């Protein structure tokens, strides 16, 4: 047969019993969730900054990074809500390479999904315990949601997943904000169609059950740039792009019309050091257009302790082993700049 059954892994319930969330921490998360929700509903004018490593590869360095974010959050709490990225699954265009901590809790060893699930939940729990931050993660595999549904405050659906029906329908059953990225082609109608689907209610098969969802009114768009047929990056964060999205939203009957702008990926042509410049332009567009100010609820930034990226074998603490990231010094400056300009 084409599938080889390696071993049966623990169920979501078993994982939660092995690594439970303390009741007090659940209260912290509920309070932050309410704050974040108000940004999307327009009840709050705070600005979201979804920020962190391209992939959460090591618990110690990721949690040190998030502890630094928490200190900045205390100083900008009147303007910003910082949501740390703990991305535990890494999409790979060709299927090759490191696929995230869920696959390889040790990037230099063979995959171990059982240990990966434990490592994923442990990292999220530690971040929450040490900082009060419930994190964002990419919903690369919809079946993984029940393992962390009590821990996440934000979910993203990537450019290669946004057209997939299972992703759209699974998002419709979540009760936290979920960002649907534009596909790599750049077609904004595809992205908006995914939001329509995610905001609607559905009946479908999920983890061996027939399920019904009520729809997720907090589903929204993420602009991440596009790639043309020649493989060239096409940004979509400029003023004209944002106005176009305002107009396209107006053509659809959607609640909580909102977008997050991803400052890296095709918007920066993966030139990670361009993220501060891009974000400053986005903030300028918000300041000169009320429509854009109401539309753009936040930005997404790839950032870690050390700038750039490295090979897995190099072992530089706090440096990305996937896409290059902004380093801490530039990150801290950028966060204060954002707080001053929103």
Protein backbone atom coordinates (compact mmCIF):
# COMPACT_ATOMS: atom_id res chain seq x y z
CA UNK A 1 0.00 0.00 0.00
CA UNK A 2 1.09 3.61 -0.57
CA UNK A 3 0.67 4.64 3.06
CA UNK A 4 2.82 3.01 5.71
CA UNK A 5 1.27 3.27 9.18
CA UNK A 6 4.20 4.25 11.39
CA UNK A 7 2.44 4.63 14.76
CA UNK A 8 -0.76 5.95 16.23
CA UNK A 9 -0.36 9.38 17.84
CA UNK A 10 -2.22 10.75 20.82
CA UNK A 11 -5.61 12.37 20.37
CA UNK A 12 -6.19 16.07 21.07
CA UNK A 13 -7.91 15.14 24.33
CA UNK A 14 -4.99 12.99 25.43
CA UNK A 15 -2.54 15.79 24.63
CA UNK A 16 -4.59 18.30 26.60
CA UNK A 17 -4.74 15.91 29.56
CA UNK A 18 -0.97 15.43 29.40
CA UNK A 19 -0.31 19.18 29.07
CA UNK A 20 -3.33 21.04 30.47
CA UNK A 21 -3.82 24.79 30.48
CA UNK A 22 -4.13 26.20 34.02
CA UNK A 23 -7.47 27.87 34.70
CA UNK A 24 -5.80 31.18 35.51
CA UNK A 25 -4.00 31.19 32.18
CA UNK A 26 -7.26 30.50 30.39
CA UNK A 27 -8.60 33.71 31.94
CA UNK A 28 -5.58 35.65 30.66
CA UNK A 29 -6.21 34.32 27.18
CA UNK A 30 -9.92 35.14 27.31
CA UNK A 31 -9.13 38.75 28.25
CA UNK A 32 -6.65 39.15 25.39
CA UNK A 33 -9.04 37.46 22.95
CA UNK A 34 -11.70 40.02 23.87
CA UNK A 35 -9.23 42.88 23.28
CA UNK A 36 -8.22 41.50 19.88
CA UNK A 37 -11.82 40.89 18.83
CA UNK A 38 -12.69 44.53 19.52
CA UNK A 39 -10.04 45.63 17.01
CA UNK A 40 -11.75 43.62 14.26
CA UNK A 41 -15.24 44.76 15.19
CA UNK A 42 -14.16 48.41 15.27
CA UNK A 43 -14.82 48.83 19.00
CA UNK A 44 -11.11 49.45 19.59
CA UNK A 45 -8.70 51.60 17.58
CA UNK A 46 -5.63 49.74 18.81
CA UNK A 47 -3.29 48.39 16.14
CA UNK A 48 -2.29 44.73 15.91
CA UNK A 49 1.29 43.63 15.41
CA UNK A 50 1.56 39.90 14.66
CA UNK A 51 5.27 39.30 14.96
CA UNK A 52 7.84 36.59 15.46
CA UNK A 53 10.06 34.00 13.80
CA UNK A 54 9.31 32.54 10.40
CA UNK A 55 9.20 29.16 12.15
CA UNK A 56 9.28 28.43 15.88
CA UNK A 57 12.22 26.05 15.84
CA UNK A 58 13.55 26.06 19.43
CA UNK A 59 11.52 26.57 22.60
CA UNK A 60 14.18 28.45 24.59
CA UNK A 61 15.04 31.04 21.93
CA UNK A 62 11.41 31.53 20.90
CA UNK A 63 10.30 32.08 24.48
CA UNK A 64 13.22 34.45 25.16
CA UNK A 65 12.12 36.44 22.12
CA UNK A 66 8.51 36.54 23.32
CA UNK A 67 9.59 37.66 26.79
CA UNK A 68 11.32 40.62 25.13
CA UNK A 69 8.11 41.38 23.23
CA UNK A 70 6.19 41.37 26.50
CA UNK A 71 8.42 44.11 27.92
CA UNK A 72 7.75 46.29 24.88
CA UNK A 73 4.02 45.54 25.07
CA UNK A 74 3.89 47.03 28.55
CA UNK A 75 5.23 50.32 27.17
CA UNK A 76 2.94 50.55 24.12
CA UNK A 77 -0.24 49.03 25.55
CA UNK A 78 -2.26 52.18 24.88
CA UNK A 79 -1.59 51.90 21.13
CA UNK A 80 -0.63 48.35 20.16
CA UNK A 81 -1.66 44.76 20.80
CA UNK A 82 1.32 42.51 20.12
CA UNK A 83 0.51 38.93 19.12
CA UNK A 84 3.59 36.69 18.98
CA UNK A 85 3.99 34.30 16.09
CA UNK A 86 4.60 30.74 17.25
CA UNK A 87 4.48 29.07 13.85
CA UNK A 88 4.89 25.35 14.47
CA UNK A 89 4.21 24.14 10.92
CA UNK A 90 6.25 25.35 7.96
CA UNK A 91 4.85 25.11 4.42
CA UNK A 92 7.37 23.98 1.82
CA UNK A 93 6.83 24.82 -1.84
CA UNK A 94 8.46 21.62 -3.09
CA UNK A 95 7.72 19.50 -0.02
CA UNK A 96 11.41 19.36 0.88
CA UNK A 97 13.18 20.71 3.94
CA UNK A 98 12.29 21.48 7.55
CA UNK A 99 8.51 21.38 8.02
CA UNK A 100 8.35 22.82 11.51
CA UNK A 101 8.57 21.65 15.09
CA UNK A 102 5.48 19.45 14.81
CA UNK A 103 7.30 17.34 12.22
CA UNK A 104 10.79 17.60 13.64
CA UNK A 105 11.09 18.69 17.27
CA UNK A 106 14.81 18.34 16.62
CA UNK A 107 15.53 19.82 13.16
CA UNK A 108 18.57 17.56 12.75
CA UNK A 109 16.76 14.30 13.46
CA UNK A 110 14.10 12.30 11.68
CA UNK A 111 10.43 13.34 11.91
CA UNK A 112 8.58 12.38 15.09
CA UNK A 113 5.00 13.61 15.04
CA UNK A 114 4.12 12.36 18.52
CA UNK A 115 7.00 14.27 20.09
CA UNK A 116 6.27 17.18 17.75
CA UNK A 117 2.72 17.56 19.05
CA UNK A 118 4.05 17.60 22.61
CA UNK A 119 6.71 20.17 21.70
CA UNK A 120 4.14 22.37 19.96
CA UNK A 121 1.74 22.48 22.88
CA UNK A 122 4.53 22.81 25.45
CA UNK A 123 5.92 25.89 23.68
CA UNK A 124 2.54 27.59 23.46
CA UNK A 125 1.87 26.87 27.14
CA UNK A 126 5.25 28.20 28.21
CA UNK A 127 4.78 31.42 26.25
CA UNK A 128 1.42 31.98 27.88
CA UNK A 129 2.72 31.18 31.37
CA UNK A 130 5.76 33.46 31.13
CA UNK A 131 4.24 36.44 29.31
CA UNK A 132 0.44 36.20 29.32
CA UNK A 133 0.63 36.10 25.51
CA UNK A 134 -1.55 33.64 23.63
CA UNK A 135 -0.01 33.33 20.21
CA UNK A 136 -0.68 33.17 16.49
CA UNK A 137 -0.01 30.05 14.45
CA UNK A 138 -0.49 29.09 10.81
CA UNK A 139 -3.26 26.57 10.20
CA UNK A 140 -1.28 24.57 7.66
CA UNK A 141 -2.99 21.30 8.63
CA UNK A 142 -6.67 21.78 9.59
CA UNK A 143 -6.65 18.50 11.53
CA UNK A 144 -4.17 19.99 14.02
CA UNK A 145 -6.59 22.67 15.27
CA UNK A 146 -8.06 20.63 18.18
CA UNK A 147 -4.57 20.18 19.64
CA UNK A 148 -4.21 23.94 20.23
CA UNK A 149 -7.73 25.38 19.97
CA UNK A 150 -7.63 26.47 23.62
CA UNK A 151 -4.25 28.20 23.22
CA UNK A 152 -4.31 30.32 20.05
CA UNK A 153 -5.55 33.89 19.80
CA UNK A 154 -4.98 34.19 16.04
CA UNK A 155 -4.81 31.84 13.07
CA UNK A 156 -3.45 32.44 9.56
CA UNK A 157 -4.17 30.48 6.39
CA UNK A 158 -1.30 30.61 3.94
CA UNK A 159 -1.20 31.58 0.28
CA UNK A 160 -1.06 27.97 -0.90
CA UNK A 161 -3.88 26.79 1.40
CA UNK A 162 -6.40 29.60 0.98
CA UNK A 163 -8.17 27.98 -1.98
CA UNK A 164 -8.57 24.66 -0.19
CA UNK A 165 -12.12 23.88 0.90
CA UNK A 166 -11.11 22.01 4.06
CA UNK A 167 -9.16 25.04 5.31
CA UNK A 168 -12.04 27.40 4.61
CA UNK A 169 -14.63 25.21 6.30
CA UNK A 170 -12.45 24.51 9.33
CA UNK A 171 -11.88 28.24 9.84
CA UNK A 172 -15.68 28.67 9.87
CA UNK A 173 -15.76 26.72 13.13
CA UNK A 174 -13.12 28.77 14.95
CA UNK A 175 -13.90 31.51 17.46
CA UNK A 176 -10.69 33.52 17.05
CA UNK A 177 -9.64 35.90 14.25
CA UNK A 178 -8.45 34.03 11.18
CA UNK A 179 -6.55 35.73 8.38
CA UNK A 180 -6.87 34.40 4.82
CA UNK A 181 -3.85 35.33 2.71
CA UNK A 182 -4.10 36.21 -0.95
CA UNK A 183 -2.87 33.31 -3.13
CA UNK A 184 0.56 33.46 -4.71
CA UNK A 185 -1.14 34.47 -7.98
CA UNK A 186 -2.27 37.68 -6.24
CA UNK A 187 -5.95 37.26 -7.14
CA UNK A 188 -7.75 39.23 -4.43
CA UNK A 189 -11.13 37.74 -5.36
CA UNK A 190 -9.87 34.28 -4.32
CA UNK A 191 -8.87 35.67 -0.93
CA UNK A 192 -12.21 37.40 -0.47
CA UNK A 193 -14.12 34.29 -1.55
CA UNK A 194 -12.29 32.39 1.18
CA UNK A 195 -13.45 34.99 3.73
CA UNK A 196 -17.04 34.62 2.51
CA UNK A 197 -16.75 30.85 2.99
CA UNK A 198 -15.11 31.17 6.41
CA UNK A 199 -17.73 33.62 7.67
CA UNK A 200 -20.53 31.25 6.61
CA UNK A 201 -21.89 28.17 8.38
CA UNK A 202 -21.21 24.68 7.01
CA UNK A 203 -21.74 20.95 7.49
CA UNK A 204 -18.81 18.69 6.59
CA UNK A 205 -16.63 15.76 7.64
CA UNK A 206 -13.92 16.57 10.18
CA UNK A 207 -11.78 14.13 12.15
CA UNK A 208 -14.21 11.21 11.63
CA UNK A 209 -17.31 13.25 12.54
CA UNK A 210 -20.04 15.06 10.66
CA UNK A 211 -19.81 18.57 12.09
CA UNK A 212 -21.73 21.80 11.82
CA UNK A 213 -20.16 25.24 12.18
CA UNK A 214 -21.74 28.61 12.90
CA UNK A 215 -19.32 30.67 10.79
CA UNK A 216 -16.44 32.86 11.91
CA UNK A 217 -17.30 36.59 11.71
CA UNK A 218 -13.67 37.41 12.57
CA UNK A 219 -12.32 35.90 9.33
CA UNK A 220 -10.51 38.56 7.31
CA UNK A 221 -7.88 39.06 4.61
CA UNK A 222 -4.08 39.21 4.69
CA UNK A 223 -2.14 40.93 1.92
CA UNK A 224 1.22 39.20 1.40
CA UNK A 225 2.17 40.19 -2.15
CA UNK A 226 2.11 37.98 -5.23
CA UNK A 227 4.37 36.27 -7.74
CA UNK A 228 3.90 36.62 -11.51
CA UNK A 229 4.44 33.96 -14.16
CA UNK A 230 8.12 34.91 -14.36
CA UNK A 231 8.62 34.30 -10.63
CA UNK A 232 8.93 38.01 -9.85
CA UNK A 233 7.43 39.43 -6.66
CA UNK A 234 4.58 41.91 -6.98
CA UNK A 235 3.83 43.88 -3.79
CA UNK A 236 0.25 44.70 -2.82
CA UNK A 237 0.74 46.96 0.20
CA UNK A 238 0.73 50.30 -1.66
CA UNK A 239 -1.99 52.94 -1.27
CA UNK A 240 -3.65 51.94 -4.54
CA UNK A 241 -3.74 48.26 -3.53
CA UNK A 242 -5.38 49.10 -0.22
CA UNK A 243 -8.00 51.31 -1.86
CA UNK A 244 -8.75 48.53 -4.34
CA UNK A 245 -9.32 46.13 -1.46
CA UNK A 246 -11.64 48.66 0.19
CA UNK A 247 -13.67 48.73 -3.04
CA UNK A 248 -13.74 44.95 -3.39
CA UNK A 249 -14.87 44.53 0.20
CA UNK A 250 -17.70 46.98 -0.49
CA UNK A 251 -18.99 44.68 -3.23
CA UNK A 252 -19.50 41.84 -0.74
CA UNK A 253 -21.86 41.48 2.19
CA UNK A 254 -19.26 40.72 4.86
CA UNK A 255 -19.08 41.63 8.53
CA UNK A 256 -15.93 43.04 10.10
CA UNK A 257 -14.27 44.07 6.85
CA UNK A 258 -10.59 44.10 7.74
CA UNK A 259 -7.12 43.28 6.52
CA UNK A 260 -3.67 42.62 7.95
CA UNK A 261 -0.66 43.49 5.79
CA UNK A 262 2.24 41.04 5.76
CA UNK A 263 5.42 43.09 5.38
CA UNK A 264 7.58 40.16 4.29
CA UNK A 265 7.16 37.37 1.72
CA UNK A 266 6.34 38.71 -1.76
CA UNK A 267 5.66 42.19 -0.38
CA UNK A 268 9.36 42.53 0.45
CA UNK A 269 10.64 40.06 -2.15
CA UNK A 270 11.88 38.24 0.98
CA UNK A 271 14.26 41.12 1.68
CA UNK A 272 13.59 40.98 5.40
CA UNK A 273 15.38 44.26 6.12
CA UNK A 274 12.81 46.10 3.97
CA UNK A 275 10.01 45.39 6.45
CA UNK A 276 10.43 48.65 8.44
CA UNK A 277 10.26 50.72 5.23
CA UNK A 278 7.16 48.87 4.06
CA UNK A 279 5.40 49.27 7.39
CA UNK A 280 6.12 53.01 7.45
CA UNK A 281 4.43 53.32 4.05
CA UNK A 282 1.41 51.36 5.29
CA UNK A 283 1.12 53.62 8.32
CA UNK A 284 1.36 56.68 6.06
CA UNK A 285 -1.49 55.34 3.90
CA UNK A 286 -3.61 54.87 7.04
CA UNK A 287 -2.87 58.42 8.13
CA UNK A 288 -3.96 59.98 4.82
CA UNK A 289 -7.06 57.84 4.19
CA UNK A 290 -9.86 57.19 6.67
CA UNK A 291 -11.02 54.22 4.57
CA UNK A 292 -7.59 52.62 4.73
CA UNK A 293 -7.30 53.36 8.44
CA UNK A 294 -10.56 51.49 9.03
CA UNK A 295 -9.52 48.62 6.77
CA UNK A 296 -5.94 47.94 7.93
CA UNK A 297 -6.13 46.55 11.46
CA UNK A 298 -2.50 45.55 11.76
CA UNK A 299 0.70 44.24 10.24
CA UNK A 300 2.56 40.95 10.21
CA UNK A 301 6.35 40.92 10.67
CA UNK A 302 8.95 38.14 10.56
CA UNK A 303 11.44 38.79 13.35
CA UNK A 304 13.73 36.84 15.68
CA UNK A 305 16.61 37.47 18.06
CA UNK A 306 19.27 37.60 15.34
CA UNK A 307 18.87 39.07 11.83
CA UNK A 308 18.88 36.96 8.68
CA UNK A 309 18.82 33.18 8.44
CA UNK A 310 21.20 30.25 8.80
CA UNK A 311 21.63 26.62 7.84
CA UNK A 312 20.29 24.14 10.36
CA UNK A 313 23.82 22.94 11.05
CA UNK A 314 25.10 26.39 12.11
CA UNK A 315 23.42 26.49 15.54
CA UNK A 316 23.36 30.28 16.01
CA UNK A 317 20.99 30.91 18.92
CA UNK A 318 17.86 32.82 17.95
CA UNK A 319 18.53 32.93 14.20
CA UNK A 320 15.97 31.63 11.70
CA UNK A 321 16.57 28.28 10.01
CA UNK A 322 13.90 29.05 7.39
CA UNK A 323 13.16 32.49 5.90
CA UNK A 324 15.38 35.39 7.04
CA UNK A 325 13.97 37.57 9.82
CA UNK A 326 14.50 41.04 11.22
CA UNK A 327 16.81 41.04 14.25
CA UNK A 328 15.80 42.19 17.74
CA UNK A 329 17.44 45.62 17.71
CA UNK A 330 15.60 46.68 14.54
CA UNK A 331 12.44 45.02 15.77
CA UNK A 332 12.36 46.97 19.02
CA UNK A 333 12.90 50.27 17.18
CA UNK A 334 10.16 49.37 14.71
CA UNK A 335 7.62 48.56 17.41
CA UNK A 336 8.12 51.95 19.05
CA UNK A 337 7.88 53.64 15.64
CA UNK A 338 4.59 51.92 14.93
CA UNK A 339 3.24 53.00 18.32
CA UNK A 340 4.20 56.61 17.59
CA UNK A 341 2.57 56.70 14.17
CA UNK A 342 -0.76 54.90 14.61
